């Protein structure tokens, strides 16, 4: 997971521990890294408005949104979704 350098991510270690994933930060002067980060962070906002209380969302609803976002075609390679590009 790649995060921006904002103060909202000071608790990244708890996120890493809970999800069992690596957390990376965008380089300070690499605007292309943050642009993609902001684009990917904005996609869930198309489905959930800011301020949404996710504790009121069902596991099935969140799983459905996760599938939609993960299966969204990417520009590269060849407009394939992650199921086709990852082993």
C-alpha atoms as a PDB file:
ATOM      1  CA  UNK A   1       0.000   0.000   0.000  1.00  0.00           C
ATOM      2  CA  UNK A   2       1.388   3.400  -0.943  1.00  0.00           C
ATOM      3  CA  UNK A   3       0.391   6.386   1.152  1.00  0.00           C
ATOM      4  CA  UNK A   4       0.877  10.114   0.869  1.00  0.00           C
ATOM      5  CA  UNK A   5       3.081  11.879   3.431  1.00  0.00           C
ATOM      6  CA  UNK A   6       0.205  13.537   5.291  1.00  0.00           C
ATOM      7  CA  UNK A   7      -0.166  13.556   9.063  1.00  0.00           C
ATOM      8  CA  UNK A   8      -3.298  11.414   8.723  1.00  0.00           C
ATOM      9  CA  UNK A   9      -1.013   8.421   8.215  1.00  0.00           C
ATOM     10  CA  UNK A  10       0.950   8.703  11.468  1.00  0.00           C
ATOM     11  CA  UNK A  11      -0.753   5.493  12.617  1.00  0.00           C
ATOM     12  CA  UNK A  12       0.449   3.541   9.595  1.00  0.00           C
ATOM     13  CA  UNK A  13       2.150   0.915  11.776  1.00  0.00           C
ATOM     14  CA  UNK A  14      -1.208  -0.168  13.254  1.00  0.00           C
ATOM     15  CA  UNK A  15      -2.566  -0.454   9.710  1.00  0.00           C
ATOM     16  CA  UNK A  16       0.417  -2.549   8.685  1.00  0.00           C
ATOM     17  CA  UNK A  17       0.041  -4.816  11.709  1.00  0.00           C
ATOM     18  CA  UNK A  18      -3.708  -5.255  11.315  1.00  0.00           C
ATOM     19  CA  UNK A  19      -3.710  -5.901   7.555  1.00  0.00           C
ATOM     20  CA  UNK A  20      -0.408  -7.746   7.392  1.00  0.00           C
ATOM     21  CA  UNK A  21       0.720  -5.651   4.431  1.00  0.00           C
ATOM     22  CA  UNK A  22       3.648  -3.415   3.626  1.00  0.00           C
ATOM     23  CA  UNK A  23       3.129   0.348   3.714  1.00  0.00           C
ATOM     24  CA  UNK A  24       5.176   2.654   1.509  1.00  0.00           C
ATOM     25  CA  UNK A  25       5.227   6.429   1.292  1.00  0.00           C
ATOM     26  CA  UNK A  26       5.394   8.549  -1.838  1.00  0.00           C
ATOM     27  CA  UNK A  27       8.707  10.319  -2.313  1.00  0.00           C
ATOM     28  CA  UNK A  28       8.497  14.016  -1.311  1.00  0.00           C
ATOM     29  CA  UNK A  29       9.328  15.395  -4.780  1.00  0.00           C
ATOM     30  CA  UNK A  30       7.693  12.690  -6.887  1.00  0.00           C
ATOM     31  CA  UNK A  31       4.382  14.272  -7.859  1.00  0.00           C
ATOM     32  CA  UNK A  32       3.553  11.404 -10.240  1.00  0.00           C
ATOM     33  CA  UNK A  33       3.437   9.009  -7.271  1.00  0.00           C
ATOM     34  CA  UNK A  34       1.033  11.193  -5.319  1.00  0.00           C
ATOM     35  CA  UNK A  35      -1.164  11.809  -8.361  1.00  0.00           C
ATOM     36  CA  UNK A  36      -1.825   8.104  -8.792  1.00  0.00           C
ATOM     37  CA  UNK A  37      -2.285   7.811  -5.042  1.00  0.00           C
ATOM     38  CA  UNK A  38      -4.871  10.597  -5.029  1.00  0.00           C
ATOM     39  CA  UNK A  39      -6.648   9.123  -8.049  1.00  0.00           C
ATOM     40  CA  UNK A  40      -6.899   5.697  -6.431  1.00  0.00           C
ATOM     41  CA  UNK A  41      -8.003   7.200  -3.112  1.00  0.00           C
ATOM     42  CA  UNK A  42     -10.717   9.163  -4.891  1.00  0.00           C
ATOM     43  CA  UNK A  43     -12.342   6.154  -6.543  1.00  0.00           C
ATOM     44  CA  UNK A  44     -14.166   4.949  -3.407  1.00  0.00           C
ATOM     45  CA  UNK A  45     -15.575   8.483  -3.031  1.00  0.00           C
ATOM     46  CA  UNK A  46     -17.592   7.834  -6.182  1.00  0.00           C
ATOM     47  CA  UNK A  47     -19.485   5.220  -4.171  1.00  0.00           C
ATOM     48  CA  UNK A  48     -19.207   6.518  -0.593  1.00  0.00           C
ATOM     49  CA  UNK A  49     -19.525  10.228   0.174  1.00  0.00           C
ATOM     50  CA  UNK A  50     -17.039  11.870   2.511  1.00  0.00           C
ATOM     51  CA  UNK A  51     -18.004  11.271   6.121  1.00  0.00           C
ATOM     52  CA  UNK A  52     -19.541   7.840   5.474  1.00  0.00           C
ATOM     53  CA  UNK A  53     -19.730   5.730   8.636  1.00  0.00           C
ATOM     54  CA  UNK A  54     -18.339   2.418   7.396  1.00  0.00           C
ATOM     55  CA  UNK A  55     -19.401   0.678  10.587  1.00  0.00           C
ATOM     56  CA  UNK A  56     -22.931   0.902   9.150  1.00  0.00           C
ATOM     57  CA  UNK A  57     -21.870  -0.805   5.892  1.00  0.00           C
ATOM     58  CA  UNK A  58     -22.263  -4.545   5.627  1.00  0.00           C
ATOM     59  CA  UNK A  59     -19.325  -6.821   4.911  1.00  0.00           C
ATOM     60  CA  UNK A  60     -21.035  -7.872   1.654  1.00  0.00           C
ATOM     61  CA  UNK A  61     -21.425  -4.262   0.514  1.00  0.00           C
ATOM     62  CA  UNK A  62     -17.762  -3.489   1.192  1.00  0.00           C
ATOM     63  CA  UNK A  63     -16.683  -6.713  -0.538  1.00  0.00           C
ATOM     64  CA  UNK A  64     -18.774  -5.746  -3.574  1.00  0.00           C
ATOM     65  CA  UNK A  65     -17.103  -2.327  -3.746  1.00  0.00           C
ATOM     66  CA  UNK A  66     -13.683  -3.924  -3.351  1.00  0.00           C
ATOM     67  CA  UNK A  67     -14.429  -6.223  -6.301  1.00  0.00           C
ATOM     68  CA  UNK A  68     -15.644  -3.298  -8.421  1.00  0.00           C
ATOM     69  CA  UNK A  69     -12.500  -1.275  -7.725  1.00  0.00           C
ATOM     70  CA  UNK A  70     -10.091  -4.180  -8.154  1.00  0.00           C
ATOM     71  CA  UNK A  71     -11.703  -5.253 -11.428  1.00  0.00           C
ATOM     72  CA  UNK A  72     -11.714  -1.753 -12.848  1.00  0.00           C
ATOM     73  CA  UNK A  73      -9.654  -1.782 -16.073  1.00  0.00           C
ATOM     74  CA  UNK A  74      -6.320   0.019 -15.777  1.00  0.00           C
ATOM     75  CA  UNK A  75      -4.541   1.948 -18.499  1.00  0.00           C
ATOM     76  CA  UNK A  76      -1.710  -0.555 -18.456  1.00  0.00           C
ATOM     77  CA  UNK A  77      -1.082  -3.264 -19.337  1.00  0.00           C
ATOM     78  CA  UNK A  78      -3.584  -3.319 -22.188  1.00  0.00           C
ATOM     79  CA  UNK A  79      -6.617  -2.251 -20.111  1.00  0.00           C
ATOM     80  CA  UNK A  80      -6.600  -5.472 -18.124  1.00  0.00           C
ATOM     81  CA  UNK A  81      -7.939  -5.731 -14.605  1.00  0.00           C
ATOM     82  CA  UNK A  82      -5.798  -7.010 -11.738  1.00  0.00           C
ATOM     83  CA  UNK A  83      -7.075 -10.587 -12.078  1.00  0.00           C
ATOM     84  CA  UNK A  84      -5.362 -10.820 -15.467  1.00  0.00           C
ATOM     85  CA  UNK A  85      -2.130  -9.007 -14.616  1.00  0.00           C
ATOM     86  CA  UNK A  86      -1.322 -10.522 -11.239  1.00  0.00           C
ATOM     87  CA  UNK A  87      -0.328 -14.175 -10.824  1.00  0.00           C
END
